[in-house]
């Protein structure tokens, strides 16, 4: 995923499905300096991690929050 799209997802009023290694995640923050993002799995919100943007994938239709 490119940094611009990740930022759009963070700022979107809709919930956009994103996964990292097949696990649905929420993007908390984008770090442009090193092309990474802070994310956490939707089912394990305490497991915050920093991952490379190229490992994030947008999936399927969006759902309203």
N, C-alpha and C. Protein backbone atom coordinates (compact mmCIF):
# COMPACT_ATOMS: atom_id res chain seq x y z
N UNK A 1 0.85 -1.16 0.00
CA UNK A 1 0.00 0.00 0.00
C UNK A 1 0.90 1.23 0.00
N UNK A 2 0.51 2.24 -0.74
CA UNK A 2 1.32 3.45 -0.74
C UNK A 2 0.91 4.35 0.43
N UNK A 3 1.79 5.25 0.78
CA UNK A 3 1.61 6.09 1.96
C UNK A 3 0.39 7.00 1.84
N UNK A 4 0.12 7.48 0.64
CA UNK A 4 -1.04 8.36 0.43
C UNK A 4 -2.34 7.61 0.71
N UNK A 5 -2.45 6.37 0.22
CA UNK A 5 -3.67 5.59 0.44
C UNK A 5 -3.82 5.25 1.92
N UNK A 6 -2.75 4.92 2.59
CA UNK A 6 -2.83 4.63 4.02
C UNK A 6 -3.34 5.85 4.79
N UNK A 7 -2.87 7.03 4.43
CA UNK A 7 -3.33 8.26 5.08
C UNK A 7 -4.81 8.50 4.79
N UNK A 8 -5.24 8.22 3.56
CA UNK A 8 -6.66 8.37 3.21
C UNK A 8 -7.53 7.43 4.05
N UNK A 9 -7.06 6.22 4.26
CA UNK A 9 -7.81 5.24 5.05
C UNK A 9 -7.94 5.72 6.49
N UNK A 10 -6.86 6.24 7.05
CA UNK A 10 -6.90 6.75 8.42
C UNK A 10 -7.93 7.87 8.55
N UNK A 11 -7.98 8.75 7.57
CA UNK A 11 -8.85 9.92 7.63
C UNK A 11 -10.27 9.67 7.10
N UNK A 12 -10.54 8.47 6.64
CA UNK A 12 -11.85 8.15 6.08
C UNK A 12 -12.92 8.05 7.16
N UNK A 13 -14.11 8.50 6.83
CA UNK A 13 -15.25 8.37 7.74
C UNK A 13 -15.80 6.94 7.73
N UNK A 14 -15.40 6.16 6.74
CA UNK A 14 -15.84 4.77 6.62
C UNK A 14 -14.77 3.83 7.12
N UNK A 15 -15.19 2.66 7.58
CA UNK A 15 -14.26 1.61 7.98
C UNK A 15 -13.83 0.89 6.71
N UNK A 16 -12.55 0.93 6.40
CA UNK A 16 -12.01 0.29 5.21
C UNK A 16 -11.22 -0.92 5.65
N UNK A 17 -11.52 -2.06 5.05
CA UNK A 17 -10.89 -3.32 5.42
C UNK A 17 -9.45 -3.37 4.93
N UNK A 18 -8.53 -3.53 5.89
CA UNK A 18 -7.10 -3.62 5.59
C UNK A 18 -6.56 -4.84 6.31
N UNK A 19 -5.62 -5.54 5.66
CA UNK A 19 -5.01 -6.70 6.32
C UNK A 19 -3.49 -6.62 6.24
N UNK A 20 -2.86 -7.29 7.19
CA UNK A 20 -1.41 -7.47 7.21
C UNK A 20 -1.16 -8.95 7.42
N UNK A 21 -0.54 -9.59 6.43
CA UNK A 21 -0.29 -11.04 6.46
C UNK A 21 -1.57 -11.82 6.70
N UNK A 22 -2.66 -11.35 6.05
CA UNK A 22 -3.93 -12.04 6.12
C UNK A 22 -4.75 -11.75 7.37
N UNK A 23 -4.24 -10.91 8.26
CA UNK A 23 -4.94 -10.58 9.51
C UNK A 23 -5.55 -9.19 9.38
N UNK A 24 -6.86 -9.05 9.63
CA UNK A 24 -7.48 -7.73 9.57
C UNK A 24 -6.88 -6.80 10.62
N UNK A 25 -6.48 -5.60 10.19
CA UNK A 25 -5.84 -4.65 11.11
C UNK A 25 -6.47 -3.27 10.97
N UNK A 26 -6.23 -2.46 11.99
CA UNK A 26 -6.61 -1.05 12.00
C UNK A 26 -5.32 -0.24 11.89
N UNK A 27 -5.27 0.70 10.97
CA UNK A 27 -4.10 1.56 10.84
C UNK A 27 -4.26 2.73 11.80
N UNK A 28 -3.36 2.83 12.75
CA UNK A 28 -3.42 3.88 13.77
C UNK A 28 -2.65 5.12 13.33
N UNK A 29 -1.50 4.92 12.68
CA UNK A 29 -0.62 6.03 12.31
C UNK A 29 0.27 5.62 11.15
N UNK A 30 0.63 6.59 10.31
CA UNK A 30 1.54 6.36 9.19
C UNK A 30 2.83 7.13 9.45
N UNK A 31 3.96 6.50 9.16
CA UNK A 31 5.28 7.10 9.36
C UNK A 31 5.95 7.27 7.99
N UNK A 32 5.88 8.48 7.46
CA UNK A 32 6.39 8.73 6.12
C UNK A 32 7.91 8.63 6.04
N UNK A 33 8.60 8.89 7.13
CA UNK A 33 10.06 8.89 7.10
C UNK A 33 10.66 7.52 6.77
N UNK A 34 9.96 6.45 7.16
CA UNK A 34 10.51 5.12 6.90
C UNK A 34 9.49 4.17 6.25
N UNK A 35 8.40 4.74 5.69
CA UNK A 35 7.41 3.94 4.96
C UNK A 35 6.84 2.80 5.80
N UNK A 36 6.47 3.12 7.06
CA UNK A 36 5.86 2.14 7.94
C UNK A 36 4.55 2.70 8.50
N UNK A 37 3.82 1.84 9.19
CA UNK A 37 2.57 2.25 9.84
C UNK A 37 2.45 1.53 11.17
N UNK A 38 1.84 2.19 12.12
CA UNK A 38 1.50 1.57 13.39
C UNK A 38 0.10 0.98 13.22
N UNK A 39 -0.04 -0.31 13.49
CA UNK A 39 -1.31 -1.02 13.31
C UNK A 39 -1.58 -1.91 14.52
N UNK A 40 -2.83 -2.37 14.60
CA UNK A 40 -3.15 -3.43 15.56
C UNK A 40 -4.24 -4.31 14.97
N UNK A 41 -4.19 -5.62 15.29
CA UNK A 41 -5.24 -6.52 14.81
C UNK A 41 -6.58 -6.12 15.40
N UNK A 42 -7.64 -6.23 14.60
CA UNK A 42 -8.97 -5.85 15.06
C UNK A 42 -9.44 -6.69 16.24
N UNK A 43 -8.97 -7.93 16.35
CA UNK A 43 -9.40 -8.80 17.44
C UNK A 43 -8.42 -8.81 18.61
N UNK A 44 -7.37 -8.00 18.54
CA UNK A 44 -6.36 -7.96 19.60
C UNK A 44 -5.78 -6.55 19.69
N UNK A 45 -6.59 -5.61 20.15
CA UNK A 45 -6.25 -4.20 20.08
C UNK A 45 -5.04 -3.81 20.93
N UNK A 46 -4.62 -4.66 21.86
CA UNK A 46 -3.45 -4.38 22.68
C UNK A 46 -2.15 -4.76 21.99
N UNK A 47 -2.23 -5.42 20.85
CA UNK A 47 -1.04 -5.91 20.14
C UNK A 47 -0.63 -4.91 19.06
N UNK A 48 -0.18 -3.74 19.48
CA UNK A 48 0.23 -2.68 18.55
C UNK A 48 1.60 -3.02 17.99
N UNK A 49 1.77 -2.83 16.68
CA UNK A 49 3.07 -3.09 16.06
C UNK A 49 3.30 -2.13 14.90
N UNK A 50 4.56 -1.95 14.56
CA UNK A 50 4.94 -1.12 13.41
C UNK A 50 5.29 -2.07 12.28
N UNK A 51 4.65 -1.87 11.13
CA UNK A 51 4.85 -2.75 9.98
C UNK A 51 5.17 -1.92 8.74
N UNK A 52 5.76 -2.56 7.74
CA UNK A 52 6.05 -1.89 6.48
C UNK A 52 4.75 -1.69 5.70
N UNK A 53 4.63 -0.52 5.07
CA UNK A 53 3.43 -0.21 4.29
C UNK A 53 3.21 -1.22 3.17
N UNK A 54 4.27 -1.73 2.58
CA UNK A 54 4.09 -2.67 1.46
C UNK A 54 3.52 -4.01 1.90
N UNK A 55 3.37 -4.22 3.21
CA UNK A 55 2.74 -5.43 3.72
C UNK A 55 1.26 -5.27 4.01
N UNK A 56 0.73 -4.05 3.82
CA UNK A 56 -0.68 -3.77 4.06
C UNK A 56 -1.47 -3.87 2.76
N UNK A 57 -2.64 -4.50 2.84
CA UNK A 57 -3.48 -4.68 1.66
C UNK A 57 -4.92 -4.30 1.98
N UNK A 58 -5.51 -3.51 1.09
CA UNK A 58 -6.91 -3.14 1.21
C UNK A 58 -7.74 -4.30 0.68
N UNK A 59 -8.81 -4.64 1.40
CA UNK A 59 -9.61 -5.80 1.02
C UNK A 59 -11.09 -5.45 0.92
N UNK A 60 -11.72 -5.93 -0.12
CA UNK A 60 -13.16 -5.92 -0.25
C UNK A 60 -13.87 -4.60 -0.07
N UNK A 61 -15.19 -4.67 0.05
CA UNK A 61 -16.03 -3.47 0.17
C UNK A 61 -15.85 -2.79 1.52
N UNK A 62 -16.23 -1.54 1.57
CA UNK A 62 -16.15 -0.78 2.81
C UNK A 62 -17.45 -0.92 3.60
N UNK A 63 -17.36 -0.68 4.89
CA UNK A 63 -18.51 -0.75 5.77
C UNK A 63 -18.57 0.56 6.55
N UNK A 64 -19.75 1.15 6.67
CA UNK A 64 -19.90 2.42 7.41
C UNK A 64 -19.64 2.18 8.89
N UNK A 65 -19.00 3.19 9.53
CA UNK A 65 -18.74 3.11 10.97
C UNK A 65 -19.95 3.52 11.74
